[in-house]
PDB file of N, CA and C in Angstrom:
ATOM      1  N   MET A   1       0.831  -1.183   0.000  1.00  0.00           N
ATOM      2  CA  MET A   1       0.000   0.000   0.000  1.00  0.00           C
ATOM      3  C   MET A   1       0.881   1.254   0.000  1.00  0.00           C
ATOM      4  N   SER A   2       0.570   2.165  -0.869  1.00  0.00           N
ATOM      5  CA  SER A   2       1.360   3.387  -0.976  1.00  0.00           C
ATOM      6  C   SER A   2       1.056   4.348   0.173  1.00  0.00           C
ATOM      7  N   LEU A   3       2.104   4.956   0.703  1.00  0.00           N
ATOM      8  CA  LEU A   3       1.940   5.980   1.741  1.00  0.00           C
ATOM      9  C   LEU A   3       1.584   7.331   1.125  1.00  0.00           C
ATOM     10  N   TYR A   4       1.903   7.486  -0.148  1.00  0.00           N
ATOM     11  CA  TYR A   4       1.619   8.745  -0.839  1.00  0.00           C
ATOM     12  C   TYR A   4       0.177   8.707  -1.329  1.00  0.00           C
ATOM     13  N   THR A   5      -0.731   8.853  -0.398  1.00  0.00           N
ATOM     14  CA  THR A   5      -2.166   8.747  -0.656  1.00  0.00           C
ATOM     15  C   THR A   5      -2.696  10.024  -1.313  1.00  0.00           C
ATOM     16  N   ASP A   6      -3.942   9.965  -1.753  1.00  0.00           N
ATOM     17  CA  ASP A   6      -4.568  11.160  -2.322  1.00  0.00           C
ATOM     18  C   ASP A   6      -4.609  12.290  -1.307  1.00  0.00           C
ATOM     19  N   GLU A   7      -4.835  11.956  -0.035  1.00  0.00           N
ATOM     20  CA  GLU A   7      -4.868  12.976   1.025  1.00  0.00           C
ATOM     21  C   GLU A   7      -3.511  13.666   1.151  1.00  0.00           C
ATOM     22  N   VAL A   8      -2.442  12.885   1.172  1.00  0.00           N
ATOM     23  CA  VAL A   8      -1.093  13.464   1.272  1.00  0.00           C
ATOM     24  C   VAL A   8      -0.785  14.277   0.015  1.00  0.00           C
ATOM     25  N   ARG A   9      -1.163  13.768  -1.133  1.00  0.00           N
ATOM     26  CA  ARG A   9      -0.927  14.480  -2.390  1.00  0.00           C
ATOM     27  C   ARG A   9      -1.609  15.852  -2.370  1.00  0.00           C
ATOM     28  N   ARG A  10      -2.852  15.891  -1.871  1.00  0.00           N
ATOM     29  CA  ARG A  10      -3.563  17.176  -1.767  1.00  0.00           C
ATOM     30  C   ARG A  10      -2.841  18.125  -0.819  1.00  0.00           C
ATOM     31  N   ILE A  11      -2.373  17.605   0.304  1.00  0.00           N
ATOM     32  CA  ILE A  11      -1.651  18.451   1.270  1.00  0.00           C
ATOM     33  C   ILE A  11      -0.419  19.072   0.616  1.00  0.00           C
ATOM     34  N   VAL A  12       0.355  18.251  -0.065  1.00  0.00           N
ATOM     35  CA  VAL A  12       1.609  18.726  -0.654  1.00  0.00           C
ATOM     36  C   VAL A  12       1.361  19.691  -1.808  1.00  0.00           C
ATOM     37  N   LYS A  13       0.316  19.459  -2.580  1.00  0.00           N
ATOM     38  CA  LYS A  13       0.070  20.280  -3.770  1.00  0.00           C
ATOM     39  C   LYS A  13      -0.793  21.514  -3.507  1.00  0.00           C
ATOM     40  N   THR A  14      -1.571  21.526  -2.425  1.00  0.00           N
ATOM     41  CA  THR A  14      -2.508  22.621  -2.163  1.00  0.00           C
ATOM     42  C   THR A  14      -1.804  23.939  -1.874  1.00  0.00           C
ATOM     43  N   ILE A  15      -0.829  23.915  -0.996  1.00  0.00           N
ATOM     44  CA  ILE A  15      -0.116  25.146  -0.630  1.00  0.00           C
ATOM     45  C   ILE A  15       1.197  25.177  -1.407  1.00  0.00           C
ATOM     46  N   LYS A  16       1.275  26.083  -2.340  1.00  0.00           N
ATOM     47  CA  LYS A  16       2.463  26.183  -3.190  1.00  0.00           C
ATOM     48  C   LYS A  16       3.661  26.716  -2.401  1.00  0.00           C
ATOM     49  N   ALA A  17       4.847  26.276  -2.819  1.00  0.00           N
ATOM     50  CA  ALA A  17       6.087  26.771  -2.214  1.00  0.00           C
ATOM     51  C   ALA A  17       6.186  28.277  -2.447  1.00  0.00           C
ATOM     52  N   PRO A  18       6.814  28.996  -1.519  1.00  0.00           N
ATOM     53  CA  PRO A  18       6.932  30.455  -1.639  1.00  0.00           C
ATOM     54  C   PRO A  18       7.654  30.927  -2.908  1.00  0.00           C
ATOM     55  N   SER A  19       8.534  30.107  -3.424  1.00  0.00           N
ATOM     56  CA  SER A  19       9.264  30.484  -4.639  1.00  0.00           C
ATOM     57  C   SER A  19       9.020  29.443  -5.724  1.00  0.00           C
ATOM     58  N   ARG A  20       8.737  29.891  -6.915  1.00  0.00           N
ATOM     59  CA  ARG A  20       8.543  28.940  -8.011  1.00  0.00           C
ATOM     60  C   ARG A  20       9.864  28.305  -8.435  1.00  0.00           C
ATOM     61  N   HIS A  21      10.988  28.833  -7.951  1.00  0.00           N
ATOM     62  CA  HIS A  21      12.303  28.292  -8.280  1.00  0.00           C
ATOM     63  C   HIS A  21      12.767  27.235  -7.280  1.00  0.00           C
ATOM     64  N   PHE A  22      12.017  27.041  -6.217  1.00  0.00           N
ATOM     65  CA  PHE A  22      12.395  26.055  -5.207  1.00  0.00           C
ATOM     66  C   PHE A  22      12.032  24.656  -5.696  1.00  0.00           C
ATOM     67  N   ILE A  23      13.006  23.764  -5.676  1.00  0.00           N
ATOM     68  CA  ILE A  23      12.805  22.391  -6.142  1.00  0.00           C
ATOM     69  C   ILE A  23      12.789  21.464  -4.937  1.00  0.00           C
ATOM     70  N   TYR A  24      11.754  20.632  -4.868  1.00  0.00           N
ATOM     71  CA  TYR A  24      11.673  19.613  -3.825  1.00  0.00           C
ATOM     72  C   TYR A  24      10.966  18.398  -4.406  1.00  0.00           C
ATOM     73  N   ASP A  25      11.157  17.271  -3.786  1.00  0.00           N
ATOM     74  CA  ASP A  25      10.508  16.041  -4.212  1.00  0.00           C
ATOM     75  C   ASP A  25       9.893  15.361  -3.003  1.00  0.00           C
ATOM     76  N   VAL A  26       8.860  14.584  -3.249  1.00  0.00           N
ATOM     77  CA  VAL A  26       8.287  13.720  -2.221  1.00  0.00           C
ATOM     78  C   VAL A  26       8.795  12.320  -2.535  1.00  0.00           C
ATOM     79  N   ILE A  27       9.493  11.725  -1.571  1.00  0.00           N
ATOM     80  CA  ILE A  27      10.090  10.409  -1.763  1.00  0.00           C
ATOM     81  C   ILE A  27       9.405   9.422  -0.824  1.00  0.00           C
ATOM     82  N   GLU A  28       9.028   8.285  -1.366  1.00  0.00           N
ATOM     83  CA  GLU A  28       8.373   7.261  -0.556  1.00  0.00           C
ATOM     84  C   GLU A  28       9.357   6.139  -0.247  1.00  0.00           C
ATOM     85  N   TYR A  29       9.543   5.881   1.034  1.00  0.00           N
ATOM     86  CA  TYR A  29      10.304   4.739   1.517  1.00  0.00           C
ATOM     87  C   TYR A  29       9.286   3.711   2.024  1.00  0.00           C
ATOM     88  N   PRO A  30       9.713   2.503   2.354  1.00  0.00           N
ATOM     89  CA  PRO A  30       8.738   1.490   2.772  1.00  0.00           C
ATOM     90  C   PRO A  30       7.859   1.879   3.967  1.00  0.00           C
ATOM     91  N   ARG A  31       8.396   2.654   4.910  1.00  0.00           N
ATOM     92  CA  ARG A  31       7.623   2.972   6.119  1.00  0.00           C
ATOM     93  C   ARG A  31       7.416   4.459   6.375  1.00  0.00           C
ATOM     94  N   TRP A  32       7.898   5.324   5.505  1.00  0.00           N
ATOM     95  CA  TRP A  32       7.745   6.762   5.710  1.00  0.00           C
ATOM     96  C   TRP A  32       7.919   7.501   4.389  1.00  0.00           C
ATOM     97  N   LEU A  33       7.584   8.778   4.420  1.00  0.00           N
ATOM     98  CA  LEU A  33       7.806   9.679   3.292  1.00  0.00           C
ATOM     99  C   LEU A  33       8.866  10.694   3.697  1.00  0.00           C
ATOM    100  N   THR A  34       9.524  11.263   2.718  1.00  0.00           N
ATOM    101  CA  THR A  34      10.393  12.408   2.989  1.00  0.00           C
ATOM    102  C   THR A  34      10.059  13.517   2.005  1.00  0.00           C
ATOM    103  N   LEU A  35      10.238  14.736   2.465  1.00  0.00           N
ATOM    104  CA  LEU A  35      10.249  15.892   1.576  1.00  0.00           C
ATOM    105  C   LEU A  35      11.726  16.181   1.366  1.00  0.00           C
ATOM    106  N   ARG A  36      12.184  15.979   0.161  1.00  0.00           N
ATOM    107  CA  ARG A  36      13.602  16.131  -0.148  1.00  0.00           C
ATOM    108  C   ARG A  36      13.842  17.499  -0.763  1.00  0.00           C
ATOM    109  N   MET A  37      14.751  18.230  -0.165  1.00  0.00           N
ATOM    110  CA  MET A  37      15.154  19.506  -0.736  1.00  0.00           C
ATOM    111  C   MET A  37      16.628  19.428  -1.102  1.00  0.00           C
ATOM    112  N   TYR A  38      17.063  20.379  -1.911  1.00  0.00           N
ATOM    113  CA  TYR A  38      18.425  20.361  -2.440  1.00  0.00           C
ATOM    114  C   TYR A  38      19.141  21.644  -2.019  1.00  0.00           C
ATOM    115  N   ARG A  39      20.241  21.453  -1.310  1.00  0.00           N
ATOM    116  CA  ARG A  39      20.975  22.579  -0.729  1.00  0.00           C
ATOM    117  C   ARG A  39      21.401  23.610  -1.781  1.00  0.00           C
ATOM    118  N   ASP A  40      21.930  23.155  -2.909  1.00  0.00           N
ATOM    119  CA  ASP A  40      22.402  24.115  -3.912  1.00  0.00           C
ATOM    120  C   ASP A  40      21.257  24.974  -4.454  1.00  0.00           C
ATOM    121  N   ASN A  41      20.091  24.394  -4.625  1.00  0.00           N
ATOM    122  CA  ASN A  41      18.920  25.132  -5.084  1.00  0.00           C
ATOM    123  C   ASN A  41      18.432  26.095  -4.005  1.00  0.00           C
ATOM    124  N   PHE A  42      18.355  25.637  -2.783  1.00  0.00           N
ATOM    125  CA  PHE A  42      17.893  26.450  -1.653  1.00  0.00           C
ATOM    126  C   PHE A  42      18.786  27.673  -1.452  1.00  0.00           C
ATOM    127  N   GLU A  43      20.088  27.482  -1.567  1.00  0.00           N
ATOM    128  CA  GLU A  43      21.028  28.576  -1.337  1.00  0.00           C
ATOM    129  C   GLU A  43      20.980  29.654  -2.423  1.00  0.00           C
ATOM    130  N   LEU A  44      20.389  29.350  -3.560  1.00  0.00           N
ATOM    131  CA  LEU A  44      20.242  30.349  -4.619  1.00  0.00           C
ATOM    132  C   LEU A  44      19.098  31.330  -4.344  1.00  0.00           C
ATOM    133  N   LEU A  45      18.209  30.966  -3.431  1.00  0.00           N
ATOM    134  CA  LEU A  45      17.079  31.835  -3.110  1.00  0.00           C
ATOM    135  C   LEU A  45      17.544  33.038  -2.296  1.00  0.00           C
ATOM    136  N   PRO A  46      16.895  34.188  -2.452  1.00  0.00           N
ATOM    137  CA  PRO A  46      17.213  35.337  -1.594  1.00  0.00           C
ATOM    138  C   PRO A  46      16.939  34.970  -0.129  1.00  0.00           C
ATOM    139  N   GLU A  47      17.598  35.653   0.779  1.00  0.00           N
ATOM    140  CA  GLU A  47      17.508  35.304   2.199  1.00  0.00           C
ATOM    141  C   GLU A  47      16.063  35.285   2.716  1.00  0.00           C
ATOM    142  N   ASP A  48      15.272  36.293   2.377  1.00  0.00           N
ATOM    143  CA  ASP A  48      13.885  36.315   2.865  1.00  0.00           C
ATOM    144  C   ASP A  48      13.083  35.140   2.317  1.00  0.00           C
ATOM    145  N   MET A  49      13.381  34.723   1.090  1.00  0.00           N
ATOM    146  CA  MET A  49      12.693  33.584   0.490  1.00  0.00           C
ATOM    147  C   MET A  49      13.146  32.270   1.130  1.00  0.00           C
ATOM    148  N   ARG A  50      14.410  32.189   1.551  1.00  0.00           N
ATOM    149  CA  ARG A  50      14.880  30.982   2.259  1.00  0.00           C
ATOM    150  C   ARG A  50      14.139  30.822   3.577  1.00  0.00           C
ATOM    151  N   VAL A  51      13.925  31.921   4.286  1.00  0.00           N
ATOM    152  CA  VAL A  51      13.183  31.868   5.549  1.00  0.00           C
ATOM    153  C   VAL A  51      11.750  31.412   5.292  1.00  0.00           C
ATOM    154  N   SER A  52      11.087  32.014   4.326  1.00  0.00           N
ATOM    155  CA  SER A  52       9.706  31.634   3.987  1.00  0.00           C
ATOM    156  C   SER A  52       9.621  30.175   3.552  1.00  0.00           C
ATOM    157  N   THR A  53      10.599  29.734   2.788  1.00  0.00           N
ATOM    158  CA  THR A  53      10.611  28.357   2.296  1.00  0.00           C
ATOM    159  C   THR A  53      10.836  27.376   3.434  1.00  0.00           C
ATOM    160  N   ALA A  54      11.718  27.698   4.361  1.00  0.00           N
ATOM    161  CA  ALA A  54      11.948  26.823   5.525  1.00  0.00           C
ATOM    162  C   ALA A  54      10.678  26.707   6.362  1.00  0.00           C
ATOM    163  N   MET A  55       9.983  27.805   6.544  1.00  0.00           N
ATOM    164  CA  MET A  55       8.724  27.784   7.304  1.00  0.00           C
ATOM    165  C   MET A  55       7.666  26.977   6.554  1.00  0.00           C
ATOM    166  N   TRP A  56       7.624  27.103   5.237  1.00  0.00           N
ATOM    167  CA  TRP A  56       6.690  26.354   4.412  1.00  0.00           C
ATOM    168  C   TRP A  56       6.961  24.849   4.523  1.00  0.00           C
ATOM    169  N   MET A  57       8.247  24.463   4.452  1.00  0.00           N
ATOM    170  CA  MET A  57       8.605  23.038   4.567  1.00  0.00           C
ATOM    171  C   MET A  57       8.185  22.491   5.933  1.00  0.00           C
ATOM    172  N   GLN A  58       8.413  23.258   6.985  1.00  0.00           N
ATOM    173  CA  GLN A  58       8.034  22.833   8.332  1.00  0.00           C
ATOM    174  C   GLN A  58       6.514  22.613   8.409  1.00  0.00           C
ATOM    175  N   GLU A  59       5.761  23.504   7.827  1.00  0.00           N
ATOM    176  CA  GLU A  59       4.295  23.368   7.822  1.00  0.00           C
ATOM    177  C   GLU A  59       3.859  22.144   7.022  1.00  0.00           C
ATOM    178  N   GLN A  60       4.488  21.910   5.893  1.00  0.00           N
ATOM    179  CA  GLN A  60       4.163  20.728   5.098  1.00  0.00           C
ATOM    180  C   GLN A  60       4.424  19.449   5.893  1.00  0.00           C
ATOM    181  N   LEU A  61       5.561  19.391   6.575  1.00  0.00           N
ATOM    182  CA  LEU A  61       5.888  18.215   7.392  1.00  0.00           C
ATOM    183  C   LEU A  61       4.832  18.001   8.474  1.00  0.00           C
ATOM    184  N   LYS A  62       4.431  19.065   9.148  1.00  0.00           N
ATOM    185  CA  LYS A  62       3.411  18.959  10.194  1.00  0.00           C
ATOM    186  C   LYS A  62       2.095  18.447   9.633  1.00  0.00           C
ATOM    187  N   ARG A  63       1.695  18.973   8.493  1.00  0.00           N
ATOM    188  CA  ARG A  63       0.410  18.584   7.899  1.00  0.00           C
ATOM    189  C   ARG A  63       0.409  17.125   7.452  1.00  0.00           C
ATOM    190  N   VAL A  64       1.495  16.674   6.847  1.00  0.00           N
ATOM    191  CA  VAL A  64       1.567  15.268   6.424  1.00  0.00           C
ATOM    192  C   VAL A  64       1.615  14.360   7.650  1.00  0.00           C
ATOM    193  N   ASN A  65       2.431  14.703   8.644  1.00  0.00           N
ATOM    194  CA  ASN A  65       2.511  13.888   9.864  1.00  0.00           C
ATOM    195  C   ASN A  65       1.167  13.803  10.578  1.00  0.00           C
ATOM    196  N   ALA A  66       0.352  14.833  10.466  1.00  0.00           N
ATOM    197  CA  ALA A  66      -0.966  14.844  11.113  1.00  0.00           C
ATOM    198  C   ALA A  66      -1.903  13.793  10.517  1.00  0.00           C
ATOM    199  N   THR A  67      -1.594  13.289   9.320  1.00  0.00           N
ATOM    200  CA  THR A  67      -2.411  12.235   8.716  1.00  0.00           C
ATOM    201  C   THR A  67      -2.086  10.866   9.295  1.00  0.00           C
ATOM    202  N   GLY A  68      -1.022  10.798  10.106  1.00  0.00           N
ATOM    203  CA  GLY A  68      -0.596   9.522  10.668  1.00  0.00           C
ATOM    204  C   GLY A  68       0.507   8.854   9.869  1.00  0.00           C
ATOM    205  N   ILE A  69       0.918   9.490   8.794  1.00  0.00           N
ATOM    206  CA  ILE A  69       2.002   8.951   7.966  1.00  0.00           C
ATOM    207  C   ILE A  69       3.292   9.678   8.344  1.00  0.00           C
ATOM    208  N   PRO A  70       4.310   8.939   8.792  1.00  0.00           N
ATOM    209  CA  PRO A  70       5.564   9.591   9.153  1.00  0.00           C
ATOM    210  C   PRO A  70       6.198  10.281   7.942  1.00  0.00           C
ATOM    211  N   CYS A  71       6.616  11.517   8.148  1.00  0.00           N
ATOM    212  CA  CYS A  71       7.229  12.296   7.077  1.00  0.00           C
ATOM    213  C   CYS A  71       8.395  13.091   7.657  1.00  0.00           C
ATOM    214  N   TYR A  72       9.518  13.056   6.969  1.00  0.00           N
ATOM    215  CA  TYR A  72      10.744  13.691   7.448  1.00  0.00           C
ATOM    216  C   TYR A  72      11.324  14.599   6.377  1.00  0.00           C
ATOM    217  N   LEU A  73      12.211  15.472   6.785  1.00  0.00           N
ATOM    218  CA  LEU A  73      12.944  16.334   5.860  1.00  0.00           C
ATOM    219  C   LEU A  73      14.240  15.629   5.482  1.00  0.00           C
ATOM    220  N   GLU A  74      14.559  15.654   4.208  1.00  0.00           N
ATOM    221  CA  GLU A  74      15.784  15.046   3.707  1.00  0.00           C
ATOM    222  C   GLU A  74      16.490  16.108   2.868  1.00  0.00           C
ATOM    223  N   ILE A  75      17.766  16.322   3.116  1.00  0.00           N
ATOM    224  CA  ILE A  75      18.512  17.353   2.387  1.00  0.00           C
ATOM    225  C   ILE A  75      19.633  16.698   1.587  1.00  0.00           C
ATOM    226  N   PHE A  76      19.609  16.905   0.287  1.00  0.00           N
ATOM    227  CA  PHE A  76      20.670  16.440  -0.593  1.00  0.00           C
ATOM    228  C   PHE A  76      21.490  17.659  -1.003  1.00  0.00           C
ATOM    229  N   GLU A  77      22.737  17.429  -1.349  1.00  0.00           N
ATOM    230  CA  GLU A  77      23.634  18.534  -1.703  1.00  0.00           C
ATOM    231  C   GLU A  77      23.253  19.220  -3.008  1.00  0.00           C
ATOM    232  N   SER A  78      22.880  18.440  -4.021  1.00  0.00           N
ATOM    233  CA  SER A  78      22.603  19.080  -5.309  1.00  0.00           C
ATOM    234  C   SER A  78      21.433  18.407  -6.018  1.00  0.00           C
ATOM    235  N   VAL A  79      20.820  19.168  -6.878  1.00  0.00           N
ATOM    236  CA  VAL A  79      19.685  18.696  -7.657  1.00  0.00           C
ATOM    237  C   VAL A  79      20.207  17.726  -8.716  1.00  0.00           C
ATOM    238  N   PRO A  80      19.672  16.501  -8.767  1.00  0.00           N
ATOM    239  CA  PRO A  80      20.152  15.533  -9.766  1.00  0.00           C
ATOM    240  C   PRO A  80      19.571  15.818 -11.142  1.00  0.00           C
ATOM    241  N   ASN A  81      20.425  15.893 -12.133  1.00  0.00           N
ATOM    242  CA  ASN A  81      20.000  15.980 -13.532  1.00  0.00           C
ATOM    243  C   ASN A  81      19.001  17.074 -13.836  1.00  0.00           C
ATOM    244  N   ARG A  82      19.082  18.169 -13.134  1.00  0.00           N
ATOM    245  CA  ARG A  82      18.175  19.293 -13.399  1.00  0.00           C
ATOM    246  C   ARG A  82      18.989  20.562 -13.521  1.00  0.00           C
ATOM    247  N   ARG A  83      18.496  21.437 -14.327  1.00  0.00           N
ATOM    248  CA  ARG A  83      19.139  22.737 -14.485  1.00  0.00           C
ATOM    249  C   ARG A  83      18.612  23.672 -13.409  1.00  0.00           C
ATOM    250  N   ILE A  84      19.484  24.327 -12.707  1.00  0.00           N
ATOM    251  CA  ILE A  84      19.096  25.282 -11.675  1.00  0.00           C
ATOM    252  C   ILE A  84      19.149  26.683 -12.264  1.00  0.00           C
ATOM    253  N   HIS A  85      18.127  27.479 -12.008  1.00  0.00           N
ATOM    254  CA  HIS A  85      18.030  28.845 -12.552  1.00  0.00           C
ATOM    255  C   HIS A  85      18.893  29.789 -11.759  1.00  0.00           C
TER     256      HIS A  85
END
């Protein structure tokens, strides 16, 4: 059974990230989900946008965890195979 349910999908997609340039992925592991962000992409954002984005990620984690599905933050160094603006 997938943890990335329609309810979780709605939570993640309903509230858009503060910056359209912010790249993140939802990754499903056997017993939990992660919201994966990429350090190189995050660091390109202006400082005020980094603060807003960090607060947005925290809220997303809280909302997904409230469904009973464990969800964690995962940080990778760089965006794989994607062009960063």
